Amino acid sequence: MAAYDAICFDLDSTLCEPTRDAATVLETAFKRAGIDPFCTPADLRSAVPALPTAETDREFYENLFAEVAGRADVDPAVAPRLAGAYLETQDPTAVRFRPGAEAALERARDLGPVGLITNGGRPTQTQKLEALGIADAFDVSVFTEPSAGIFPKPDAAPFEYALEELDVAPDAAIHVGDSIRADVAGANAMGLDSAWVDPGHDDSSGDRGAREHEPTYELSSLEGLETVL
């Protein structure tokens, strides 16, 4: 008998990871924009919690680069140009499964309903799912759509929508993700169990230290998910 009636997954840095080096992509974007580099991928990740909710990928990256520019004493007016160059440099289809992710997803599907809850817009995230061959692998897919009232995790809305579509109670479900702030905090607040998967960033070790939100399980990779299902 399965431990959970439904299993939900995050996408980025949980099920998949980019095949292109993040530092190289960022460096290329700076060159395209004609702007001297003033941040690293780690700087971008650390700024995400401070951002307002964005309606589009373009708005998200404009907000992101404006925030990081301000922290680096650079004029935030460079943000729109840099955001455009970054989006031109990115390739959403350049992704691969993280170690153990494909097998973990297949195992979850064998056990029962499976959901996707991702902090990304439908157009971009769908390209990633199609590149991985899992666009139809989920019984419900929840994308960030503020205009429809679906705000990013840790907001309750994406979890509520997924659970309603799956017809599963919160205490009978688990959410698997790489972010303590978004995935673990959001799941915990809704009453779901949570499995935190180490995202593997050089700066991710801080997630193991003192923190406000504790996951039900900690995994070094999705290869260990079977032990909690």
Protein backbone atom coordinates (compact mmCIF):
# COMPACT_ATOMS: atom_id res chain seq x y z
CA MET A 1 0.00 0.00 0.00
CA ALA A 2 1.35 3.42 -0.98
CA ALA A 3 2.17 5.87 1.81
CA TYR A 4 0.37 8.70 -0.05
CA ASP A 5 -2.75 9.01 -2.16
CA ALA A 6 -1.05 11.59 -4.40
CA ILE A 7 2.49 12.80 -5.08
CA CYS A 8 3.25 16.31 -6.36
CA PHE A 9 6.51 17.50 -7.86
CA ASP A 10 8.22 20.80 -8.50
CA LEU A 11 9.95 21.06 -11.89
CA ASP A 12 13.08 23.24 -11.96
CA SER A 13 16.04 21.85 -9.98
CA THR A 14 13.78 19.00 -8.82
CA LEU A 15 12.79 16.94 -11.85
CA CYS A 16 15.06 18.74 -14.29
CA GLU A 17 18.15 20.87 -14.61
CA PRO A 18 19.59 22.94 -17.47
CA THR A 19 22.17 21.39 -19.73
CA ARG A 20 23.87 24.76 -20.24
CA ASP A 21 26.15 26.26 -17.60
CA ALA A 22 24.29 29.01 -15.72
CA ALA A 23 27.37 31.24 -15.44
CA THR A 24 28.00 31.01 -19.18
CA VAL A 25 24.39 31.87 -20.00
CA LEU A 26 24.53 34.91 -17.71
CA GLU A 27 27.90 36.02 -19.12
CA THR A 28 26.53 35.78 -22.66
CA ALA A 29 23.49 37.85 -21.69
CA PHE A 30 25.70 40.61 -20.28
CA LYS A 31 27.72 40.64 -23.52
CA ARG A 32 24.59 40.80 -25.66
CA ALA A 33 23.25 43.67 -23.59
CA GLY A 34 26.59 45.50 -23.67
CA ILE A 35 26.67 45.72 -19.88
CA ASP A 36 29.59 44.98 -17.56
CA PRO A 37 28.80 41.91 -15.41
CA PHE A 38 27.67 42.79 -11.89
CA CYS A 39 26.22 39.53 -10.55
CA THR A 40 26.49 35.75 -10.52
CA PRO A 41 23.86 32.99 -10.76
CA ALA A 42 24.04 32.71 -6.97
CA ASP A 43 23.21 36.42 -6.68
CA LEU A 44 20.15 35.88 -8.86
CA ARG A 45 18.93 32.96 -6.76
CA SER A 46 19.36 34.89 -3.53
CA ALA A 47 17.31 37.81 -4.87
CA VAL A 48 14.24 35.78 -5.88
CA PRO A 49 12.52 35.87 -2.45
CA ALA A 50 12.51 39.68 -2.52
CA LEU A 51 10.70 39.99 -5.85
CA PRO A 52 7.08 40.99 -6.39
CA THR A 53 4.83 38.56 -8.24
CA ALA A 54 5.26 38.89 -12.01
CA GLU A 55 2.67 38.23 -14.71
CA THR A 56 5.20 37.17 -17.36
CA ASP A 57 8.73 35.79 -17.67
CA ARG A 58 9.86 39.15 -19.04
CA GLU A 59 8.48 41.00 -16.03
CA PHE A 60 10.05 38.46 -13.67
CA TYR A 61 13.53 38.94 -15.13
CA GLU A 62 13.18 42.72 -15.27
CA ASN A 63 12.32 42.67 -11.57
CA LEU A 64 15.13 40.22 -10.86
CA PHE A 65 17.87 42.21 -12.59
CA ALA A 66 16.60 45.47 -11.13
CA GLU A 67 16.81 43.98 -7.64
CA VAL A 68 20.30 42.58 -8.16
CA ALA A 69 21.50 45.79 -9.83
CA GLY A 70 20.35 47.81 -6.85
CA ARG A 71 22.22 45.50 -4.49
CA ALA A 72 25.36 45.96 -6.60
CA ASP A 73 25.03 49.79 -6.74
CA VAL A 74 24.26 49.61 -10.46
CA ASP A 75 21.53 51.69 -12.07
CA PRO A 76 18.39 49.47 -12.14
CA ALA A 77 17.49 51.12 -15.46
CA VAL A 78 19.70 48.48 -17.13
CA ALA A 79 17.24 45.76 -16.11
CA PRO A 80 14.90 45.78 -19.15
CA ARG A 81 17.80 45.54 -21.63
CA LEU A 82 19.52 42.82 -19.62
CA ALA A 83 16.28 40.88 -19.13
CA GLY A 84 15.70 40.88 -22.88
CA ALA A 85 19.22 39.66 -23.58
CA TYR A 86 18.90 36.96 -20.92
CA LEU A 87 15.64 35.65 -22.38
CA GLU A 88 17.19 35.62 -25.86
CA THR A 89 20.14 33.63 -24.51
CA GLN A 90 18.07 31.12 -22.60
CA ASP A 91 16.79 27.93 -24.22
CA PRO A 92 13.95 26.37 -22.19
CA THR A 93 14.34 23.12 -24.13
CA ALA A 94 17.97 22.69 -23.00
CA VAL A 95 17.08 20.57 -19.96
CA ARG A 96 17.68 17.04 -18.73
CA PHE A 97 16.36 14.91 -15.89
CA ARG A 98 18.12 15.27 -12.57
CA PRO A 99 19.63 12.03 -11.22
CA GLY A 100 16.87 9.60 -10.31
CA ALA A 101 14.09 11.94 -11.47
CA GLU A 102 12.78 9.94 -14.40
CA ALA A 103 12.58 6.73 -12.37
CA ALA A 104 11.04 8.57 -9.41
CA LEU A 105 8.32 10.03 -11.61
CA GLU A 106 7.57 6.64 -13.15
CA ARG A 107 7.38 5.07 -9.68
CA ALA A 108 5.05 7.81 -8.47
CA ARG A 109 2.76 7.28 -11.46
CA ASP A 110 2.59 3.57 -10.64
CA LEU A 111 1.41 4.42 -7.12
CA GLY A 112 -1.40 6.83 -7.95
CA PRO A 113 -2.24 10.36 -9.08
CA VAL A 114 0.69 12.68 -9.74
CA GLY A 115 0.70 16.47 -9.84
CA LEU A 116 3.09 19.16 -11.04
CA ILE A 117 3.26 22.45 -9.10
CA THR A 118 5.81 24.80 -10.63
CA ASN A 119 6.73 28.44 -10.06
CA GLY A 120 6.90 29.16 -13.77
CA GLY A 121 4.63 30.31 -16.54
CA ARG A 122 2.85 27.81 -18.75
CA PRO A 123 4.59 28.67 -22.09
CA THR A 124 8.15 28.30 -20.78
CA GLN A 125 7.52 25.35 -18.49
CA THR A 126 5.61 23.46 -21.18
CA GLN A 127 8.65 23.66 -23.45
CA LYS A 128 10.72 22.00 -20.72
CA LEU A 129 8.13 19.28 -20.16
CA GLU A 130 7.93 18.55 -23.88
CA ALA A 131 11.73 18.40 -24.17
CA LEU A 132 11.78 15.84 -21.35
CA GLY A 133 8.90 13.88 -22.87
CA ILE A 134 6.67 14.27 -19.79
CA ALA A 135 4.12 16.85 -20.91
CA ASP A 136 1.35 14.28 -20.38
CA ALA A 137 2.84 12.60 -17.31
CA PHE A 138 0.76 14.48 -14.72
CA ASP A 139 -2.85 14.21 -13.67
CA VAL A 140 -2.79 17.95 -12.98
CA SER A 141 -0.21 20.60 -13.89
CA VAL A 142 -0.27 23.90 -12.00
CA PHE A 143 1.66 26.84 -13.41
CA THR A 144 2.06 30.36 -12.04
CA GLU A 145 -0.87 32.39 -13.40
CA PRO A 146 -1.49 35.47 -11.21
CA SER A 147 -4.27 36.69 -13.52
CA ALA A 148 -6.15 33.47 -12.66
CA GLY A 149 -5.37 33.72 -8.95
CA ILE A 150 -2.56 31.14 -9.04
CA PHE A 151 0.34 32.88 -7.33
CA PRO A 152 3.81 31.36 -6.89
CA LYS A 153 4.64 28.95 -4.09
CA PRO A 154 4.67 29.28 -1.09
CA ASP A 155 1.24 30.79 -1.73
CA ALA A 156 -1.53 28.33 -0.90
CA ALA A 157 -3.34 28.71 -4.24
CA PRO A 158 -1.27 26.31 -6.39
CA PHE A 159 -1.42 23.60 -3.71
CA GLU A 160 -5.15 24.09 -3.20
CA TYR A 161 -5.80 23.87 -6.93
CA ALA A 162 -3.72 20.71 -7.32
CA LEU A 163 -5.34 18.95 -4.37
CA GLU A 164 -8.82 19.87 -5.56
CA GLU A 165 -8.14 18.53 -9.06
CA LEU A 166 -6.60 15.36 -7.64
CA ASP A 167 -9.46 15.02 -5.13
CA VAL A 168 -6.98 14.31 -2.32
CA ALA A 169 -6.83 15.66 1.24
CA PRO A 170 -3.64 17.55 2.21
CA ASP A 171 -2.63 14.99 4.84
CA ALA A 172 -2.77 12.24 2.21
CA ALA A 173 -0.34 13.95 -0.17
CA ILE A 174 3.35 14.81 -0.39
CA HIS A 175 5.08 17.58 -2.32
CA VAL A 176 8.64 17.12 -3.59
CA GLY A 177 10.80 20.15 -4.35
CA ASP A 178 14.19 21.81 -4.09
CA SER A 179 13.25 25.08 -2.36
CA ILE A 180 12.85 25.39 1.40
CA ARG A 181 11.22 28.81 0.96
CA ALA A 182 8.77 27.86 -1.78
CA ASP A 183 8.22 24.10 -1.79
CA VAL A 184 8.70 23.10 1.83
CA ALA A 185 7.12 26.20 3.37
CA GLY A 186 4.17 26.06 1.00
CA ALA A 187 3.53 22.37 1.52
CA ASN A 188 3.93 22.59 5.29
CA ALA A 189 1.46 25.48 5.52
CA MET A 190 -1.13 23.47 3.59
CA GLY A 191 -0.70 20.34 5.71
CA LEU A 192 1.11 18.25 3.08
CA ASP A 193 4.22 16.28 3.89
CA SER A 194 7.28 17.66 2.12
CA ALA A 195 10.41 16.12 0.65
CA TRP A 196 13.29 18.53 0.12
CA VAL A 197 15.71 17.53 -2.65
CA ASP A 198 19.15 19.16 -2.47
CA PRO A 199 19.26 21.41 -5.56
CA GLY A 200 22.98 20.83 -5.98
CA HIS A 201 23.96 24.50 -6.24
CA ASP A 202 27.27 25.60 -4.77
CA ASP A 203 25.31 27.92 -2.49
CA SER A 204 22.64 25.39 -1.48
CA SER A 205 24.47 24.16 1.62
CA GLY A 206 22.86 26.99 3.57
CA ASP A 207 19.52 25.24 3.19
CA ARG A 208 20.82 22.53 5.52
CA GLY A 209 21.51 24.97 8.36
CA ALA A 210 19.14 26.76 10.72
CA ARG A 211 15.89 27.43 8.92
CA GLU A 212 12.32 28.37 9.61
CA HIS A 213 10.69 25.53 7.65
CA GLU A 214 11.64 21.90 8.12
CA PRO A 215 10.86 19.27 5.47
CA THR A 216 9.35 15.94 6.42
CA TYR A 217 12.16 14.24 4.48
CA GLU A 218 15.54 15.34 3.12
CA LEU A 219 16.95 13.69 -0.01
CA SER A 220 20.34 14.13 -1.65
CA SER A 221 18.68 13.18 -4.94
CA LEU A 222 15.42 11.75 -6.21
CA GLU A 223 17.06 8.35 -6.27
CA GLY A 224 16.05 8.18 -2.60
CA LEU A 225 12.40 9.10 -3.03
CA GLU A 226 11.28 5.48 -3.21
CA THR A 227 12.23 5.05 0.45
CA VAL A 228 9.48 7.49 1.55
CA LEU A 229 6.76 6.37 -0.86
